């Protein structure tokens, strides 16, 4: 059977392609079942803090320029208000 590039495709080429396709699909199935390839969601340790920061962010994002240090400052302030007496976690940029 002639291809788009005016070359004959032999039966051996077709069989090799099918054989390799099966191998590739097998590798893909293994990858899908591999736990290392699955994204996981972290459990929120401080849900009230998460809600407060989210609400603050949505309310202020259009009126002021929000940057990482400001978010950390607000997180520390909200944490002290929402979890009095608890040791504040270290807030990072990520």
PDB file of N, CA and C in Angstrom:
ATOM      1  N   UNK A   1       0.848  -1.168   0.000  1.00  0.00           N
ATOM      2  CA  UNK A   1       0.000   0.000   0.000  1.00  0.00           C
ATOM      3  C   UNK A   1       0.896   1.234   0.000  1.00  0.00           C
ATOM      4  N   UNK A   2       0.751   2.164  -0.913  1.00  0.00           N
ATOM      5  CA  UNK A   2       1.578   3.373  -0.964  1.00  0.00           C
ATOM      6  C   UNK A   2       1.178   4.338   0.147  1.00  0.00           C
ATOM      7  N   UNK A   3       2.147   4.994   0.731  1.00  0.00           N
ATOM      8  CA  UNK A   3       1.875   5.965   1.789  1.00  0.00           C
ATOM      9  C   UNK A   3       1.829   7.366   1.202  1.00  0.00           C
ATOM     10  N   UNK A   4       1.663   8.358   2.041  1.00  0.00           N
ATOM     11  CA  UNK A   4       1.640   9.748   1.590  1.00  0.00           C
ATOM     12  C   UNK A   4       2.977  10.159   0.995  1.00  0.00           C
ATOM     13  N   UNK A   5       4.038   9.493   1.364  1.00  0.00           N
ATOM     14  CA  UNK A   5       5.379   9.861   0.921  1.00  0.00           C
ATOM     15  C   UNK A   5       5.847   9.002  -0.249  1.00  0.00           C
ATOM     16  N   UNK A   6       4.922   8.384  -0.931  1.00  0.00           N
ATOM     17  CA  UNK A   6       5.200   7.587  -2.131  1.00  0.00           C
ATOM     18  C   UNK A   6       6.175   6.446  -1.872  1.00  0.00           C
ATOM     19  N   UNK A   7       6.049   5.808  -0.718  1.00  0.00           N
ATOM     20  CA  UNK A   7       6.870   4.643  -0.416  1.00  0.00           C
ATOM     21  C   UNK A   7       5.939   3.494  -0.070  1.00  0.00           C
ATOM     22  N   UNK A   8       6.405   2.303  -0.363  1.00  0.00           N
ATOM     23  CA  UNK A   8       5.615   1.121  -0.049  1.00  0.00           C
ATOM     24  C   UNK A   8       5.784   0.777   1.429  1.00  0.00           C
ATOM     25  N   UNK A   9       4.683   0.442   2.065  1.00  0.00           N
ATOM     26  CA  UNK A   9       4.715  -0.020   3.444  1.00  0.00           C
ATOM     27  C   UNK A   9       4.565  -1.528   3.393  1.00  0.00           C
ATOM     28  N   UNK A  10       5.564  -2.213   3.905  1.00  0.00           N
ATOM     29  CA  UNK A  10       5.548  -3.674   3.830  1.00  0.00           C
ATOM     30  C   UNK A  10       4.767  -4.264   4.994  1.00  0.00           C
ATOM     31  N   UNK A  11       4.449  -5.540   4.860  1.00  0.00           N
ATOM     32  CA  UNK A  11       3.752  -6.241   5.925  1.00  0.00           C
ATOM     33  C   UNK A  11       4.624  -6.294   7.178  1.00  0.00           C
ATOM     34  N   UNK A  12       5.925  -6.442   7.008  1.00  0.00           N
ATOM     35  CA  UNK A  12       6.842  -6.482   8.152  1.00  0.00           C
ATOM     36  C   UNK A  12       6.812  -5.161   8.919  1.00  0.00           C
ATOM     37  N   UNK A  13       6.752  -4.052   8.196  1.00  0.00           N
ATOM     38  CA  UNK A  13       6.681  -2.740   8.847  1.00  0.00           C
ATOM     39  C   UNK A  13       5.404  -2.614   9.663  1.00  0.00           C
ATOM     40  N   UNK A  14       4.309  -3.074   9.097  1.00  0.00           N
ATOM     41  CA  UNK A  14       3.030  -3.019   9.808  1.00  0.00           C
ATOM     42  C   UNK A  14       3.072  -3.896  11.055  1.00  0.00           C
ATOM     43  N   UNK A  15       3.609  -5.108  10.940  1.00  0.00           N
ATOM     44  CA  UNK A  15       3.691  -6.014  12.092  1.00  0.00           C
ATOM     45  C   UNK A  15       4.595  -5.443  13.183  1.00  0.00           C
ATOM     46  N   UNK A  16       5.738  -4.879  12.800  1.00  0.00           N
ATOM     47  CA  UNK A  16       6.639  -4.273  13.786  1.00  0.00           C
ATOM     48  C   UNK A  16       5.975  -3.086  14.489  1.00  0.00           C
ATOM     49  N   UNK A  17       5.246  -2.301  13.730  1.00  0.00           N
ATOM     50  CA  UNK A  17       4.542  -1.156  14.318  1.00  0.00           C
ATOM     51  C   UNK A  17       3.497  -1.627  15.314  1.00  0.00           C
ATOM     52  N   UNK A  18       2.736  -2.635  14.953  1.00  0.00           N
ATOM     53  CA  UNK A  18       1.727  -3.172  15.867  1.00  0.00           C
ATOM     54  C   UNK A  18       2.366  -3.772  17.117  1.00  0.00           C
ATOM     55  N   UNK A  19       3.474  -4.480  16.942  1.00  0.00           N
ATOM     56  CA  UNK A  19       4.170  -5.081  18.078  1.00  0.00           C
ATOM     57  C   UNK A  19       4.665  -3.990  19.031  1.00  0.00           C
ATOM     58  N   UNK A  20       5.269  -2.950  18.482  1.00  0.00           N
ATOM     59  CA  UNK A  20       5.768  -1.856  19.316  1.00  0.00           C
ATOM     60  C   UNK A  20       4.628  -1.077  19.964  1.00  0.00           C
ATOM     61  N   UNK A  21       3.529  -0.956  19.260  1.00  0.00           N
ATOM     62  CA  UNK A  21       2.365  -0.267  19.797  1.00  0.00           C
ATOM     63  C   UNK A  21       1.863  -0.985  21.047  1.00  0.00           C
ATOM     64  N   UNK A  22       1.813  -2.296  21.004  1.00  0.00           N
ATOM     65  CA  UNK A  22       1.384  -3.087  22.153  1.00  0.00           C
ATOM     66  C   UNK A  22       2.317  -2.870  23.338  1.00  0.00           C
ATOM     67  N   UNK A  23       3.622  -2.830  23.080  1.00  0.00           N
ATOM     68  CA  UNK A  23       4.590  -2.583  24.153  1.00  0.00           C
ATOM     69  C   UNK A  23       4.394  -1.194  24.750  1.00  0.00           C
ATOM     70  N   UNK A  24       4.201  -0.200  23.894  1.00  0.00           N
ATOM     71  CA  UNK A  24       4.011   1.164  24.381  1.00  0.00           C
ATOM     72  C   UNK A  24       2.739   1.295  25.205  1.00  0.00           C
ATOM     73  N   UNK A  25       1.674   0.650  24.767  1.00  0.00           N
ATOM     74  CA  UNK A  25       0.433   0.688  25.533  1.00  0.00           C
ATOM     75  C   UNK A  25       0.594  -0.001  26.879  1.00  0.00           C
ATOM     76  N   UNK A  26       1.351  -1.081  26.936  1.00  0.00           N
ATOM     77  CA  UNK A  26       1.600  -1.776  28.197  1.00  0.00           C
ATOM     78  C   UNK A  26       2.363  -0.870  29.152  1.00  0.00           C
ATOM     79  N   UNK A  27       3.357  -0.154  28.651  1.00  0.00           N
ATOM     80  CA  UNK A  27       4.124   0.779  29.486  1.00  0.00           C
ATOM     81  C   UNK A  27       3.222   1.900  29.970  1.00  0.00           C
ATOM     82  N   UNK A  28       2.344   2.394  29.111  1.00  0.00           N
ATOM     83  CA  UNK A  28       1.429   3.462  29.491  1.00  0.00           C
ATOM     84  C   UNK A  28       0.501   3.009  30.603  1.00  0.00           C
ATOM     85  N   UNK A  29      -0.014   1.774  30.517  1.00  0.00           N
ATOM     86  CA  UNK A  29      -0.898   1.253  31.558  1.00  0.00           C
ATOM     87  C   UNK A  29      -0.171   1.120  32.880  1.00  0.00           C
ATOM     88  N   UNK A  30       1.072   0.692  32.854  1.00  0.00           N
ATOM     89  CA  UNK A  30       1.860   0.587  34.083  1.00  0.00           C
ATOM     90  C   UNK A  30       2.044   1.969  34.681  1.00  0.00           C
ATOM     91  N   UNK A  31       2.333   2.966  33.839  1.00  0.00           N
ATOM     92  CA  UNK A  31       2.533   4.327  34.322  1.00  0.00           C
ATOM     93  C   UNK A  31       1.270   4.881  34.961  1.00  0.00           C
ATOM     94  N   UNK A  32       0.105   4.573  34.386  1.00  0.00           N
ATOM     95  CA  UNK A  32      -1.147   5.070  34.941  1.00  0.00           C
ATOM     96  C   UNK A  32      -1.416   4.478  36.316  1.00  0.00           C
ATOM     97  N   UNK A  33      -0.984   3.247  36.547  1.00  0.00           N
ATOM     98  CA  UNK A  33      -1.211   2.599  37.830  1.00  0.00           C
ATOM     99  C   UNK A  33      -0.116   2.893  38.840  1.00  0.00           C
ATOM    100  N   UNK A  34       0.946   3.533  38.414  1.00  0.00           N
ATOM    101  CA  UNK A  34       2.077   3.830  39.285  1.00  0.00           C
ATOM    102  C   UNK A  34       1.717   4.990  40.202  1.00  0.00           C
ATOM    103  N   UNK A  35       1.857   4.793  41.497  1.00  0.00           N
ATOM    104  CA  UNK A  35       1.494   5.824  42.464  1.00  0.00           C
ATOM    105  C   UNK A  35       2.344   7.081  42.347  1.00  0.00           C
ATOM    106  N   UNK A  36       3.561   6.963  41.840  1.00  0.00           N
ATOM    107  CA  UNK A  36       4.441   8.123  41.742  1.00  0.00           C
ATOM    108  C   UNK A  36       3.975   9.113  40.682  1.00  0.00           C
ATOM    109  N   UNK A  37       3.155   8.685  39.754  1.00  0.00           N
ATOM    110  CA  UNK A  37       2.686   9.566  38.693  1.00  0.00           C
ATOM    111  C   UNK A  37       1.344  10.210  39.019  1.00  0.00           C
ATOM    112  N   UNK A  38       0.783   9.900  40.178  1.00  0.00           N
ATOM    113  CA  UNK A  38      -0.518  10.420  40.548  1.00  0.00           C
ATOM    114  C   UNK A  38      -0.333  11.676  41.390  1.00  0.00           C
ATOM    115  N   UNK A  39      -1.017  12.742  40.982  1.00  0.00           N
ATOM    116  CA  UNK A  39      -0.953  13.960  41.773  1.00  0.00           C
ATOM    117  C   UNK A  39      -1.786  13.758  43.030  1.00  0.00           C
ATOM    118  N   UNK A  40      -1.278  14.219  44.140  1.00  0.00           N
ATOM    119  CA  UNK A  40      -2.032  14.103  45.374  1.00  0.00           C
ATOM    120  C   UNK A  40      -2.304  15.500  45.919  1.00  0.00           C
ATOM    121  N   UNK A  41      -3.394  15.614  46.626  1.00  0.00           N
ATOM    122  CA  UNK A  41      -3.758  16.882  47.234  1.00  0.00           C
ATOM    123  C   UNK A  41      -3.381  16.829  48.703  1.00  0.00           C
ATOM    124  N   UNK A  42      -2.776  17.894  49.170  1.00  0.00           N
ATOM    125  CA  UNK A  42      -2.412  17.947  50.580  1.00  0.00           C
ATOM    126  C   UNK A  42      -3.639  18.267  51.423  1.00  0.00           C
ATOM    127  N   UNK A  43      -3.660  17.703  52.603  1.00  0.00           N
ATOM    128  CA  UNK A  43      -4.712  18.010  53.553  1.00  0.00           C
ATOM    129  C   UNK A  43      -4.385  19.366  54.160  1.00  0.00           C
ATOM    130  N   UNK A  44      -5.370  20.236  54.223  1.00  0.00           N
ATOM    131  CA  UNK A  44      -5.173  21.566  54.790  1.00  0.00           C
ATOM    132  C   UNK A  44      -5.098  21.425  56.304  1.00  0.00           C
ATOM    133  N   UNK A  45      -3.988  21.874  56.890  1.00  0.00           N
ATOM    134  CA  UNK A  45      -3.806  21.755  58.341  1.00  0.00           C
ATOM    135  C   UNK A  45      -4.636  22.782  59.104  1.00  0.00           C
ATOM    136  N   UNK A  46      -4.819  23.946  58.506  1.00  0.00           N
ATOM    137  CA  UNK A  46      -5.529  25.035  59.168  1.00  0.00           C
ATOM    138  C   UNK A  46      -6.637  25.546  58.237  1.00  0.00           C
ATOM    139  N   UNK A  47      -7.777  24.855  58.197  1.00  0.00           N
ATOM    140  CA  UNK A  47      -8.824  25.215  57.235  1.00  0.00           C
ATOM    141  C   UNK A  47      -9.400  26.615  57.446  1.00  0.00           C
ATOM    142  N   UNK A  48      -9.522  27.054  58.689  1.00  0.00           N
ATOM    143  CA  UNK A  48     -10.050  28.406  58.920  1.00  0.00           C
ATOM    144  C   UNK A  48      -9.086  29.460  58.390  1.00  0.00           C
ATOM    145  N   UNK A  49      -7.784  29.216  58.536  1.00  0.00           N
ATOM    146  CA  UNK A  49      -6.775  30.126  57.988  1.00  0.00           C
ATOM    147  C   UNK A  49      -6.853  30.132  56.464  1.00  0.00           C
ATOM    148  N   UNK A  50      -6.991  28.967  55.885  1.00  0.00           N
ATOM    149  CA  UNK A  50      -7.098  28.856  54.432  1.00  0.00           C
ATOM    150  C   UNK A  50      -8.310  29.634  53.919  1.00  0.00           C
ATOM    151  N   UNK A  51      -9.443  29.499  54.601  1.00  0.00           N
ATOM    152  CA  UNK A  51     -10.654  30.229  54.210  1.00  0.00           C
ATOM    153  C   UNK A  51     -10.473  31.733  54.363  1.00  0.00           C
ATOM    154  N   UNK A  52      -9.865  32.163  55.474  1.00  0.00           N
ATOM    155  CA  UNK A  52      -9.664  33.597  55.715  1.00  0.00           C
ATOM    156  C   UNK A  52      -8.749  34.206  54.663  1.00  0.00           C
ATOM    157  N   UNK A  53      -7.651  33.528  54.343  1.00  0.00           N
ATOM    158  CA  UNK A  53      -6.731  34.037  53.320  1.00  0.00           C
ATOM    159  C   UNK A  53      -7.397  34.078  51.952  1.00  0.00           C
ATOM    160  N   UNK A  54      -8.166  33.071  51.647  1.00  0.00           N
ATOM    161  CA  UNK A  54      -8.855  33.019  50.362  1.00  0.00           C
ATOM    162  C   UNK A  54      -9.862  34.165  50.240  1.00  0.00           C
ATOM    163  N   UNK A  55     -10.635  34.393  51.295  1.00  0.00           N
ATOM    164  CA  UNK A  55     -11.614  35.485  51.299  1.00  0.00           C
ATOM    165  C   UNK A  55     -10.916  36.832  51.174  1.00  0.00           C
ATOM    166  N   UNK A  56      -9.845  37.029  51.948  1.00  0.00           N
ATOM    167  CA  UNK A  56      -9.079  38.284  51.888  1.00  0.00           C
ATOM    168  C   UNK A  56      -8.499  38.498  50.493  1.00  0.00           C
ATOM    169  N   UNK A  57      -7.932  37.450  49.925  1.00  0.00           N
ATOM    170  CA  UNK A  57      -7.314  37.563  48.608  1.00  0.00           C
ATOM    171  C   UNK A  57      -8.341  37.980  47.555  1.00  0.00           C
ATOM    172  N   UNK A  58      -9.487  37.299  47.543  1.00  0.00           N
ATOM    173  CA  UNK A  58     -10.522  37.627  46.552  1.00  0.00           C
ATOM    174  C   UNK A  58     -11.045  39.048  46.734  1.00  0.00           C
ATOM    175  N   UNK A  59     -11.135  39.501  47.986  1.00  0.00           N
ATOM    176  CA  UNK A  59     -11.672  40.838  48.261  1.00  0.00           C
ATOM    177  C   UNK A  59     -10.690  41.949  47.898  1.00  0.00           C
ATOM    178  N   UNK A  60      -9.397  41.664  47.934  1.00  0.00           N
ATOM    179  CA  UNK A  60      -8.410  42.733  47.741  1.00  0.00           C
ATOM    180  C   UNK A  60      -7.597  42.635  46.460  1.00  0.00           C
ATOM    181  N   UNK A  61      -7.703  41.549  45.721  1.00  0.00           N
ATOM    182  CA  UNK A  61      -6.815  41.347  44.574  1.00  0.00           C
ATOM    183  C   UNK A  61      -6.950  42.412  43.493  1.00  0.00           C
ATOM    184  N   UNK A  62      -8.124  43.015  43.358  1.00  0.00           N
ATOM    185  CA  UNK A  62      -8.300  44.024  42.317  1.00  0.00           C
ATOM    186  C   UNK A  62      -7.911  45.422  42.779  1.00  0.00           C
ATOM    187  N   UNK A  63      -7.874  45.646  44.091  1.00  0.00           N
ATOM    188  CA  UNK A  63      -7.607  46.999  44.577  1.00  0.00           C
ATOM    189  C   UNK A  63      -6.155  47.242  44.978  1.00  0.00           C
ATOM    190  N   UNK A  64      -5.414  46.191  45.327  1.00  0.00           N
ATOM    191  CA  UNK A  64      -4.005  46.373  45.693  1.00  0.00           C
ATOM    192  C   UNK A  64      -3.143  45.308  45.019  1.00  0.00           C
ATOM    193  N   UNK A  65      -1.856  45.604  44.941  1.00  0.00           N
ATOM    194  CA  UNK A  65      -0.895  44.652  44.387  1.00  0.00           C
ATOM    195  C   UNK A  65      -0.507  43.673  45.494  1.00  0.00           C
ATOM    196  N   UNK A  66      -0.889  42.416  45.340  1.00  0.00           N
ATOM    197  CA  UNK A  66      -0.616  41.404  46.365  1.00  0.00           C
ATOM    198  C   UNK A  66       0.657  40.661  45.993  1.00  0.00           C
ATOM    199  N   UNK A  67       1.601  40.606  46.924  1.00  0.00           N
ATOM    200  CA  UNK A  67       2.863  39.913  46.699  1.00  0.00           C
ATOM    201  C   UNK A  67       3.107  38.944  47.845  1.00  0.00           C
ATOM    202  N   UNK A  68       4.114  38.083  47.696  1.00  0.00           N
ATOM    203  CA  UNK A  68       4.365  36.997  48.642  1.00  0.00           C
ATOM    204  C   UNK A  68       4.517  37.416  50.083  1.00  0.00           C
ATOM    205  N   UNK A  69       5.290  38.476  50.334  1.00  0.00           N
ATOM    206  CA  UNK A  69       5.503  38.903  51.722  1.00  0.00           C
ATOM    207  C   UNK A  69       4.209  39.394  52.361  1.00  0.00           C
ATOM    208  N   UNK A  70       3.370  40.060  51.583  1.00  0.00           N
ATOM    209  CA  UNK A  70       2.093  40.532  52.114  1.00  0.00           C
ATOM    210  C   UNK A  70       1.201  39.352  52.490  1.00  0.00           C
ATOM    211  N   UNK A  71       1.202  38.326  51.681  1.00  0.00           N
ATOM    212  CA  UNK A  71       0.405  37.129  51.985  1.00  0.00           C
ATOM    213  C   UNK A  71       0.909  36.482  53.272  1.00  0.00           C
ATOM    214  N   UNK A  72       2.229  36.410  53.444  1.00  0.00           N
ATOM    215  CA  UNK A  72       2.791  35.818  54.669  1.00  0.00           C
ATOM    216  C   UNK A  72       2.437  36.657  55.896  1.00  0.00           C
ATOM    217  N   UNK A  73       2.462  37.984  55.757  1.00  0.00           N
ATOM    218  CA  UNK A  73       2.102  38.869  56.873  1.00  0.00           C
ATOM    219  C   UNK A  73       0.641  38.661  57.254  1.00  0.00           C
ATOM    220  N   UNK A  74      -0.225  38.625  56.247  1.00  0.00           N
ATOM    221  CA  UNK A  74      -1.652  38.407  56.508  1.00  0.00           C
ATOM    222  C   UNK A  74      -1.892  37.024  57.108  1.00  0.00           C
ATOM    223  N   UNK A  75      -1.187  36.026  56.620  1.00  0.00           N
ATOM    224  CA  UNK A  75      -1.345  34.667  57.149  1.00  0.00           C
ATOM    225  C   UNK A  75      -0.980  34.625  58.626  1.00  0.00           C
ATOM    226  N   UNK A  76       0.116  35.285  58.991  1.00  0.00           N
ATOM    227  CA  UNK A  76       0.533  35.316  60.400  1.00  0.00           C
ATOM    228  C   UNK A  76      -0.509  36.036  61.255  1.00  0.00           C
ATOM    229  N   UNK A  77      -1.044  37.142  60.738  1.00  0.00           N
ATOM    230  CA  UNK A  77      -2.064  37.905  61.475  1.00  0.00           C
ATOM    231  C   UNK A  77      -3.328  37.069  61.655  1.00  0.00           C
ATOM    232  N   UNK A  78      -3.821  36.472  60.562  1.00  0.00           N
ATOM    233  CA  UNK A  78      -5.019  35.645  60.648  1.00  0.00           C
ATOM    234  C   UNK A  78      -4.798  34.437  61.553  1.00  0.00           C
ATOM    235  N   UNK A  79      -3.614  33.840  61.492  1.00  0.00           N
ATOM    236  CA  UNK A  79      -3.335  32.664  62.316  1.00  0.00           C
ATOM    237  C   UNK A  79      -3.443  33.024  63.795  1.00  0.00           C
ATOM    238  N   UNK A  80      -2.841  34.156  64.177  1.00  0.00           N
ATOM    239  CA  UNK A  80      -2.885  34.583  65.583  1.00  0.00           C
ATOM    240  C   UNK A  80      -4.325  34.816  66.040  1.00  0.00           C
ATOM    241  N   UNK A  81      -5.168  35.344  65.154  1.00  0.00           N
ATOM    242  CA  UNK A  81      -6.568  35.598  65.505  1.00  0.00           C
ATOM    243  C   UNK A  81      -7.392  34.308  65.551  1.00  0.00           C
ATOM    244  N   UNK A  82      -7.135  33.408  64.628  1.00  0.00           N
ATOM    245  CA  UNK A  82      -7.958  32.202  64.504  1.00  0.00           C
ATOM    246  C   UNK A  82      -7.511  31.046  65.390  1.00  0.00           C
ATOM    247  N   UNK A  83      -6.235  31.011  65.710  1.00  0.00           N
ATOM    248  CA  UNK A  83      -5.684  29.912  66.506  1.00  0.00           C
ATOM    249  C   UNK A  83      -4.873  30.481  67.669  1.00  0.00           C
ATOM    250  N   UNK A  84      -5.527  31.207  68.588  1.00  0.00           N
ATOM    251  CA  UNK A  84      -4.786  31.833  69.693  1.00  0.00           C
ATOM    252  C   UNK A  84      -4.124  30.778  70.581  1.00  0.00           C
ATOM    253  N   UNK A  85      -2.912  31.076  70.983  1.00  0.00           N
ATOM    254  CA  UNK A  85      -2.176  30.176  71.862  1.00  0.00           C
ATOM    255  C   UNK A  85      -1.404  29.094  71.138  1.00  0.00           C
ATOM    256  N   UNK A  86      -1.655  28.893  69.845  1.00  0.00           N
ATOM    257  CA  UNK A  86      -0.913  27.886  69.078  1.00  0.00           C
ATOM    258  C   UNK A  86       0.331  28.513  68.465  1.00  0.00           C
ATOM    259  N   UNK A  87       1.357  27.696  68.315  1.00  0.00           N
ATOM    260  CA  UNK A  87       2.592  28.157  67.689  1.00  0.00           C
ATOM    261  C   UNK A  87       2.353  28.345  66.197  1.00  0.00           C
ATOM    262  N   UNK A  88       2.694  29.519  65.717  1.00  0.00           N
ATOM    263  CA  UNK A  88       2.490  29.839  64.307  1.00  0.00           C
ATOM    264  C   UNK A  88       3.447  29.032  63.432  1.00  0.00           C
ATOM    265  N   UNK A  89       2.945  28.485  62.336  1.00  0.00           N
ATOM    266  CA  UNK A  89       3.840  27.767  61.419  1.00  0.00           C
ATOM    267  C   UNK A  89       4.723  28.749  60.653  1.00  0.00           C
ATOM    268  N   UNK A  90       5.759  28.226  60.025  1.00  0.00           N
ATOM    269  CA  UNK A  90       6.604  29.040  59.156  1.00  0.00           C
ATOM    270  C   UNK A  90       5.910  29.138  57.809  1.00  0.00           C
ATOM    271  N   UNK A  91       5.619  30.338  57.384  1.00  0.00           N
ATOM    272  CA  UNK A  91       4.951  30.532  56.103  1.00  0.00           C
ATOM    273  C   UNK A  91       5.994  30.700  55.017  1.00  0.00           C
ATOM    274  N   UNK A  92       5.785  29.996  53.898  1.00  0.00           N
ATOM    275  CA  UNK A  92       6.752  30.036  52.800  1.00  0.00           C
ATOM    276  C   UNK A  92       6.106  30.620  51.552  1.00  0.00           C
ATOM    277  N   UNK A  93       6.894  30.768  50.508  1.00  0.00           N
ATOM    278  CA  UNK A  93       6.380  31.285  49.240  1.00  0.00           C
ATOM    279  C   UNK A  93       5.745  30.195  48.388  1.00  0.00           C
ATOM    280  N   UNK A  94       5.771  28.976  48.815  1.00  0.00           N
ATOM    281  CA  UNK A  94       5.226  27.901  47.990  1.00  0.00           C
ATOM    282  C   UNK A  94       4.412  26.999  48.782  1.00  0.00           C
TER     283      UNK A  94
END
